[in-house]
Amino acid sequence: MKVMIEKKCDEIKQFLIDKNIAYGNSALEPINIFSKNTAVEQLAVRMDDKINRLKKGSEYLGDDTIKDLTGYLVLYMIAKDIETEIKRI
């Protein structure tokens, strides 16, 4: 089981690194053109959207909603850590 957990976590890690290269750091540093919400709030909206897709059973072809949701949860934790650190300063 340990090896399976490590393999899946490594897969998510690489997925997030690849998406960060492709999209830049848009999840944690949004450009805020239309939405003025914080990164934490914007990630929460993205997670709501993914959960809604799971609930309705409506995925786009080629999407992996579970992997996307897992990635957003990791980014959400990072965003909360950054937010907490900024409040300490």
N, C-alpha and C. Protein backbone atom coordinates (compact mmCIF):
# COMPACT_ATOMS: atom_id res chain seq x y z
N MET A 1 0.83 -1.20 0.00
CA MET A 1 0.00 0.00 0.00
C MET A 1 0.87 1.26 0.00
N LYS A 2 1.97 1.23 0.74
CA LYS A 2 2.86 2.39 0.81
C LYS A 2 3.34 2.79 -0.59
N VAL A 3 3.74 1.82 -1.37
CA VAL A 3 4.23 2.09 -2.72
C VAL A 3 3.13 2.68 -3.59
N MET A 4 1.92 2.18 -3.44
CA MET A 4 0.79 2.69 -4.22
C MET A 4 0.49 4.15 -3.85
N ILE A 5 0.56 4.47 -2.56
CA ILE A 5 0.34 5.84 -2.11
C ILE A 5 1.42 6.75 -2.67
N GLU A 6 2.66 6.32 -2.57
CA GLU A 6 3.77 7.12 -3.10
C GLU A 6 3.62 7.34 -4.60
N LYS A 7 3.25 6.31 -5.33
CA LYS A 7 3.10 6.41 -6.78
C LYS A 7 2.00 7.41 -7.14
N LYS A 8 0.86 7.31 -6.47
CA LYS A 8 -0.26 8.22 -6.75
C LYS A 8 0.10 9.66 -6.38
N CYS A 9 0.76 9.86 -5.26
CA CYS A 9 1.18 11.22 -4.86
C CYS A 9 2.19 11.78 -5.84
N ASP A 10 3.12 10.95 -6.31
CA ASP A 10 4.08 11.40 -7.32
C ASP A 10 3.37 11.78 -8.62
N GLU A 11 2.34 11.03 -8.98
CA GLU A 11 1.56 11.32 -10.18
C GLU A 11 0.88 12.69 -10.06
N ILE A 12 0.28 12.94 -8.91
CA ILE A 12 -0.38 14.23 -8.68
C ILE A 12 0.66 15.36 -8.67
N LYS A 13 1.80 15.11 -8.05
CA LYS A 13 2.86 16.11 -8.01
C LYS A 13 3.29 16.49 -9.42
N GLN A 14 3.54 15.51 -10.27
CA GLN A 14 3.96 15.78 -11.63
C GLN A 14 2.86 16.47 -12.43
N PHE A 15 1.63 16.06 -12.20
CA PHE A 15 0.47 16.69 -12.84
C PHE A 15 0.42 18.18 -12.52
N LEU A 16 0.62 18.53 -11.25
CA LEU A 16 0.58 19.94 -10.83
C LEU A 16 1.77 20.72 -11.39
N ILE A 17 2.93 20.11 -11.41
CA ILE A 17 4.11 20.76 -11.98
C ILE A 17 3.90 21.03 -13.47
N ASP A 18 3.39 20.03 -14.19
CA ASP A 18 3.14 20.19 -15.62
C ASP A 18 2.10 21.28 -15.89
N LYS A 19 1.03 21.30 -15.10
CA LYS A 19 0.00 22.33 -15.28
C LYS A 19 0.55 23.71 -14.95
N ASN A 20 1.43 23.79 -13.95
CA ASN A 20 2.02 25.07 -13.58
C ASN A 20 2.91 25.58 -14.71
N ILE A 21 3.62 24.68 -15.36
CA ILE A 21 4.44 25.07 -16.51
C ILE A 21 3.54 25.55 -17.65
N ALA A 22 2.46 24.84 -17.90
CA ALA A 22 1.56 25.17 -19.00
C ALA A 22 0.79 26.47 -18.77
N TYR A 23 0.31 26.68 -17.54
CA TYR A 23 -0.58 27.81 -17.26
C TYR A 23 0.08 28.91 -16.44
N GLY A 24 1.31 28.73 -16.05
CA GLY A 24 1.92 29.69 -15.14
C GLY A 24 1.35 29.46 -13.75
N ASN A 25 1.57 30.37 -12.88
CA ASN A 25 1.12 30.21 -11.50
C ASN A 25 -0.26 30.84 -11.30
N SER A 26 -1.15 30.63 -12.27
CA SER A 26 -2.44 31.32 -12.26
C SER A 26 -3.34 30.91 -11.09
N ALA A 27 -3.17 29.71 -10.57
CA ALA A 27 -4.01 29.28 -9.44
C ALA A 27 -3.66 30.03 -8.16
N LEU A 28 -2.37 30.26 -7.95
CA LEU A 28 -1.95 30.92 -6.71
C LEU A 28 -1.70 32.42 -6.89
N GLU A 29 -1.56 32.85 -8.14
CA GLU A 29 -1.36 34.26 -8.43
C GLU A 29 -2.31 34.68 -9.56
N PRO A 30 -3.63 34.69 -9.26
CA PRO A 30 -4.61 35.04 -10.31
C PRO A 30 -4.41 36.48 -10.78
N ILE A 31 -4.71 36.72 -12.06
CA ILE A 31 -4.52 38.07 -12.60
C ILE A 31 -5.66 39.02 -12.23
N ASN A 32 -6.75 38.49 -11.74
CA ASN A 32 -7.86 39.29 -11.20
C ASN A 32 -8.40 40.34 -12.18
N ILE A 33 -8.59 39.96 -13.42
CA ILE A 33 -9.19 40.89 -14.38
C ILE A 33 -10.69 40.96 -14.15
N PHE A 34 -11.36 39.82 -14.14
CA PHE A 34 -12.81 39.80 -13.92
C PHE A 34 -13.14 39.57 -12.45
N SER A 35 -12.53 38.58 -11.87
CA SER A 35 -12.78 38.26 -10.47
C SER A 35 -11.70 38.91 -9.60
N LYS A 36 -12.13 39.50 -8.53
CA LYS A 36 -11.19 40.13 -7.60
C LYS A 36 -10.97 39.26 -6.36
N ASN A 37 -11.49 38.05 -6.40
CA ASN A 37 -11.35 37.15 -5.25
C ASN A 37 -9.90 36.72 -5.06
N THR A 38 -9.61 36.32 -3.84
CA THR A 38 -8.28 35.81 -3.51
C THR A 38 -8.07 34.45 -4.19
N ALA A 39 -6.84 34.01 -4.19
CA ALA A 39 -6.52 32.69 -4.74
C ALA A 39 -7.30 31.61 -4.00
N VAL A 40 -7.42 31.74 -2.69
CA VAL A 40 -8.16 30.75 -1.89
C VAL A 40 -9.61 30.68 -2.35
N GLU A 41 -10.25 31.83 -2.52
CA GLU A 41 -11.65 31.86 -2.95
C GLU A 41 -11.81 31.32 -4.37
N GLN A 42 -10.90 31.67 -5.26
CA GLN A 42 -10.99 31.19 -6.63
C GLN A 42 -10.79 29.68 -6.71
N LEU A 43 -9.87 29.15 -5.89
CA LEU A 43 -9.68 27.70 -5.85
C LEU A 43 -10.92 27.01 -5.30
N ALA A 44 -11.57 27.61 -4.31
CA ALA A 44 -12.80 27.04 -3.76
C ALA A 44 -13.88 26.95 -4.85
N VAL A 45 -13.98 27.97 -5.69
CA VAL A 45 -14.95 27.95 -6.78
C VAL A 45 -14.62 26.83 -7.77
N ARG A 46 -13.35 26.69 -8.10
CA ARG A 46 -12.93 25.62 -9.02
C ARG A 46 -13.25 24.24 -8.44
N MET A 47 -13.04 24.09 -7.13
CA MET A 47 -13.36 22.81 -6.49
C MET A 47 -14.86 22.55 -6.50
N ASP A 48 -15.64 23.60 -6.25
CA ASP A 48 -17.11 23.45 -6.33
C ASP A 48 -17.53 22.98 -7.72
N ASP A 49 -16.91 23.58 -8.75
CA ASP A 49 -17.24 23.18 -10.13
C ASP A 49 -16.91 21.71 -10.37
N LYS A 50 -15.75 21.26 -9.89
CA LYS A 50 -15.36 19.87 -10.08
C LYS A 50 -16.30 18.93 -9.32
N ILE A 51 -16.67 19.29 -8.12
CA ILE A 51 -17.58 18.45 -7.34
C ILE A 51 -18.95 18.40 -8.02
N ASN A 52 -19.38 19.52 -8.59
CA ASN A 52 -20.64 19.55 -9.32
C ASN A 52 -20.59 18.60 -10.52
N ARG A 53 -19.47 18.57 -11.22
CA ARG A 53 -19.33 17.65 -12.35
C ARG A 53 -19.41 16.20 -11.88
N LEU A 54 -18.77 15.92 -10.75
CA LEU A 54 -18.84 14.56 -10.21
C LEU A 54 -20.27 14.20 -9.84
N LYS A 55 -20.95 15.13 -9.20
CA LYS A 55 -22.33 14.89 -8.77
C LYS A 55 -23.24 14.62 -9.96
N LYS A 56 -23.05 15.40 -11.01
CA LYS A 56 -23.91 15.27 -12.19
C LYS A 56 -23.42 14.18 -13.14
N GLY A 57 -22.21 13.69 -12.93
CA GLY A 57 -21.66 12.68 -13.82
C GLY A 57 -21.36 13.22 -15.20
N SER A 58 -20.98 14.50 -15.26
CA SER A 58 -20.73 15.12 -16.56
C SER A 58 -19.29 15.61 -16.67
N GLU A 59 -18.46 14.76 -17.27
CA GLU A 59 -17.08 15.13 -17.50
C GLU A 59 -16.89 15.47 -18.97
N TYR A 60 -15.95 16.36 -19.23
CA TYR A 60 -15.56 16.62 -20.60
C TYR A 60 -14.63 15.51 -21.05
N LEU A 61 -14.70 15.20 -22.33
CA LEU A 61 -13.85 14.17 -22.90
C LEU A 61 -12.38 14.49 -22.62
N GLY A 62 -11.67 13.55 -22.07
CA GLY A 62 -10.26 13.74 -21.77
C GLY A 62 -9.97 14.31 -20.39
N ASP A 63 -10.99 14.79 -19.71
CA ASP A 63 -10.80 15.33 -18.36
C ASP A 63 -10.70 14.20 -17.34
N ASP A 64 -9.99 14.47 -16.28
CA ASP A 64 -9.94 13.56 -15.13
C ASP A 64 -10.34 14.40 -13.92
N THR A 65 -11.62 14.44 -13.66
CA THR A 65 -12.17 15.32 -12.63
C THR A 65 -11.60 15.01 -11.25
N ILE A 66 -11.41 13.74 -10.94
CA ILE A 66 -10.85 13.37 -9.63
C ILE A 66 -9.43 13.90 -9.50
N LYS A 67 -8.63 13.73 -10.54
CA LYS A 67 -7.25 14.23 -10.50
C LYS A 67 -7.25 15.75 -10.40
N ASP A 68 -8.11 16.42 -11.18
CA ASP A 68 -8.21 17.87 -11.10
C ASP A 68 -8.60 18.33 -9.70
N LEU A 69 -9.60 17.69 -9.12
CA LEU A 69 -10.06 18.05 -7.78
C LEU A 69 -8.94 17.83 -6.76
N THR A 70 -8.24 16.73 -6.86
CA THR A 70 -7.13 16.45 -5.95
C THR A 70 -6.06 17.53 -6.08
N GLY A 71 -5.75 17.90 -7.33
CA GLY A 71 -4.77 18.96 -7.55
C GLY A 71 -5.22 20.28 -6.95
N TYR A 72 -6.49 20.62 -7.14
CA TYR A 72 -7.01 21.87 -6.56
C TYR A 72 -6.96 21.83 -5.04
N LEU A 73 -7.21 20.68 -4.45
CA LEU A 73 -7.13 20.57 -2.98
C LEU A 73 -5.71 20.83 -2.50
N VAL A 74 -4.73 20.30 -3.21
CA VAL A 74 -3.33 20.54 -2.85
C VAL A 74 -3.02 22.03 -2.99
N LEU A 75 -3.42 22.62 -4.11
CA LEU A 75 -3.17 24.06 -4.31
C LEU A 75 -3.91 24.90 -3.27
N TYR A 76 -5.10 24.46 -2.88
CA TYR A 76 -5.86 25.16 -1.84
C TYR A 76 -5.09 25.16 -0.52
N MET A 77 -4.52 24.01 -0.17
CA MET A 77 -3.72 23.94 1.06
C MET A 77 -2.52 24.88 0.99
N ILE A 78 -1.87 24.93 -0.16
CA ILE A 78 -0.73 25.83 -0.34
C ILE A 78 -1.18 27.28 -0.24
N ALA A 79 -2.28 27.62 -0.88
CA ALA A 79 -2.81 28.99 -0.84
C ALA A 79 -3.16 29.39 0.59
N LYS A 80 -3.75 28.47 1.35
CA LYS A 80 -4.08 28.77 2.76
C LYS A 80 -2.80 28.99 3.56
N ASP A 81 -1.77 28.19 3.31
CA ASP A 81 -0.48 28.38 3.99
C ASP A 81 0.12 29.75 3.68
N ILE A 82 0.05 30.12 2.40
CA ILE A 82 0.57 31.44 1.99
C ILE A 82 -0.23 32.55 2.65
N GLU A 83 -1.55 32.41 2.66
CA GLU A 83 -2.43 33.41 3.29
C GLU A 83 -2.10 33.55 4.77
N THR A 84 -1.91 32.43 5.45
CA THR A 84 -1.58 32.44 6.88
C THR A 84 -0.22 33.12 7.11
N GLU A 85 0.74 32.81 6.26
CA GLU A 85 2.08 33.41 6.40
C GLU A 85 2.03 34.91 6.18
N ILE A 86 1.25 35.37 5.21
CA ILE A 86 1.12 36.81 4.95
C ILE A 86 0.49 37.50 6.14
N LYS A 87 -0.48 36.88 6.78
CA LYS A 87 -1.15 37.48 7.94
C LYS A 87 -0.20 37.60 9.12
N ARG A 88 0.80 36.72 9.19
CA ARG A 88 1.77 36.78 10.29
C ARG A 88 2.74 37.94 10.16
N ILE A 89 2.92 38.38 8.92
CA ILE A 89 3.92 39.44 8.67
C ILE A 89 3.37 40.79 9.04
